Amino acid sequence: MYANLTFIKVDVSALAPPEPMTVILTHLARLTAQECLLIKHRRQPFPLYEKLNNAGFSYHCVVHAQDDITLYVFHQKAQTVFNEWLVTNGVTTSGLVKGKS
């Protein structure tokens, strides 16, 4: 079932605020339930997290280093599919910040 999840890669790590938020929100407006936004960022976008939860999205943030994170954003109804993908692909959950499920 996880094979139906398509990852859309976005690198905002070199952008200055507020450009990362703008780019992410633009992509989210087009994100389907079968897609996951895979974001490379240099910091956790804390102001974004509440917006995601209120808009029906879930997120997982993996902190690799202080200035290197990977943020996965997907529709809340795709949580089970995303969890299957995590397990199948052996994605580490250490340093994981989980949003609303």
Protein backbone atom coordinates (compact mmCIF):
# COMPACT_ATOMS: atom_id res chain seq x y z
CA MET A 1 0.00 0.00 0.00
CA TYR A 2 2.88 2.40 0.74
CA ALA A 3 3.89 2.21 -2.93
CA ASN A 4 0.98 4.54 -3.65
CA LEU A 5 2.64 7.34 -1.68
CA THR A 6 4.52 9.67 -4.02
CA PHE A 7 7.21 11.90 -2.53
CA ILE A 8 7.56 15.47 -3.72
CA LYS A 9 11.06 16.75 -2.84
CA VAL A 10 11.53 20.39 -1.91
CA ASP A 11 14.79 21.94 -0.69
CA VAL A 12 14.29 25.19 1.20
CA SER A 13 17.54 24.98 3.16
CA ALA A 14 19.21 27.84 1.30
CA LEU A 15 16.23 30.22 1.41
CA ALA A 16 15.90 33.15 3.80
CA PRO A 17 12.70 33.63 5.83
CA PRO A 18 9.88 33.89 4.96
CA GLU A 19 10.59 32.14 1.64
CA PRO A 20 10.64 28.58 3.07
CA MET A 21 7.14 29.02 4.51
CA THR A 22 5.86 30.46 1.23
CA VAL A 23 7.36 27.64 -0.85
CA ILE A 24 6.04 24.96 1.52
CA LEU A 25 2.52 26.41 1.67
CA THR A 26 2.42 26.69 -2.13
CA HIS A 27 3.29 23.00 -2.48
CA LEU A 28 0.80 22.00 0.23
CA ALA A 29 -2.02 23.72 -1.64
CA ARG A 30 -1.52 21.19 -4.47
CA LEU A 31 -0.66 18.12 -2.37
CA THR A 32 -2.97 15.17 -2.95
CA ALA A 33 -3.80 12.47 -0.40
CA GLN A 34 -1.42 10.11 -2.23
CA GLU A 35 1.54 12.49 -1.96
CA CYS A 36 4.01 13.36 0.76
CA LEU A 37 6.07 16.53 0.76
CA LEU A 38 9.69 15.70 1.63
CA ILE A 39 11.32 18.94 2.72
CA LYS A 40 15.01 19.60 3.32
CA HIS A 41 15.31 22.47 5.78
CA ARG A 42 18.00 23.97 7.96
CA ARG A 43 15.72 24.47 10.98
CA GLN A 44 12.43 23.26 12.35
CA PRO A 45 9.65 25.50 11.04
CA PHE A 46 7.76 25.74 14.34
CA PRO A 47 5.26 28.37 13.06
CA LEU A 48 4.31 25.93 10.29
CA TYR A 49 3.40 23.04 12.62
CA GLU A 50 0.19 24.58 13.98
CA LYS A 51 -0.89 25.57 10.46
CA LEU A 52 -0.36 21.98 9.32
CA ASN A 53 -2.43 20.49 12.13
CA ASN A 54 -5.26 22.99 11.58
CA ALA A 55 -5.28 22.30 7.83
CA GLY A 56 -5.55 18.50 8.17
CA PHE A 57 -1.91 17.57 7.63
CA SER A 58 0.42 15.41 9.69
CA TYR A 59 4.17 15.76 9.77
CA HIS A 60 7.28 13.93 10.84
CA CYS A 61 10.50 15.83 11.38
CA VAL A 62 13.83 14.00 11.54
CA VAL A 63 16.63 16.09 13.03
CA HIS A 64 19.94 14.98 11.52
CA ALA A 65 21.94 17.90 12.95
CA GLN A 66 21.15 21.32 14.36
CA ASP A 67 21.01 22.82 10.85
CA ASP A 68 19.90 19.76 8.87
CA ILE A 69 16.38 18.38 9.12
CA THR A 70 14.06 16.37 6.93
CA LEU A 71 10.39 17.18 7.21
CA TYR A 72 7.71 14.87 5.84
CA VAL A 73 4.25 16.44 5.42
CA PHE A 74 1.18 14.50 4.31
CA HIS A 75 -2.59 14.46 4.70
CA GLN A 76 -3.70 13.08 8.08
CA LYS A 77 -5.72 10.35 6.34
CA ALA A 78 -2.45 9.01 4.87
CA GLN A 79 -0.91 8.44 8.32
CA THR A 80 -1.16 4.62 8.13
CA VAL A 81 0.39 4.55 4.66
CA PHE A 82 3.21 6.81 5.83
CA ASN A 83 3.82 4.67 8.92
CA GLU A 84 4.09 1.59 6.68
CA TRP A 85 6.59 3.44 4.50
CA LEU A 86 8.69 4.35 7.58
CA VAL A 87 8.86 0.72 8.70
CA THR A 88 9.46 -0.71 5.22
CA ASN A 89 12.25 1.74 4.44
CA GLY A 90 13.93 1.55 7.84
CA VAL A 91 13.73 5.28 8.42
CA THR A 92 15.11 5.99 11.85
CA THR A 93 12.75 7.48 14.38
CA SER A 94 15.50 8.84 16.64
CA GLY A 95 15.31 12.61 16.59
CA LEU A 96 11.76 12.35 15.29
CA VAL A 97 9.20 15.05 16.05
CA LYS A 98 5.73 13.80 15.23
CA GLY A 99 2.77 15.97 14.40
CA LYS A 100 -0.90 15.22 14.85
CA SER A 101 -1.95 11.72 13.82
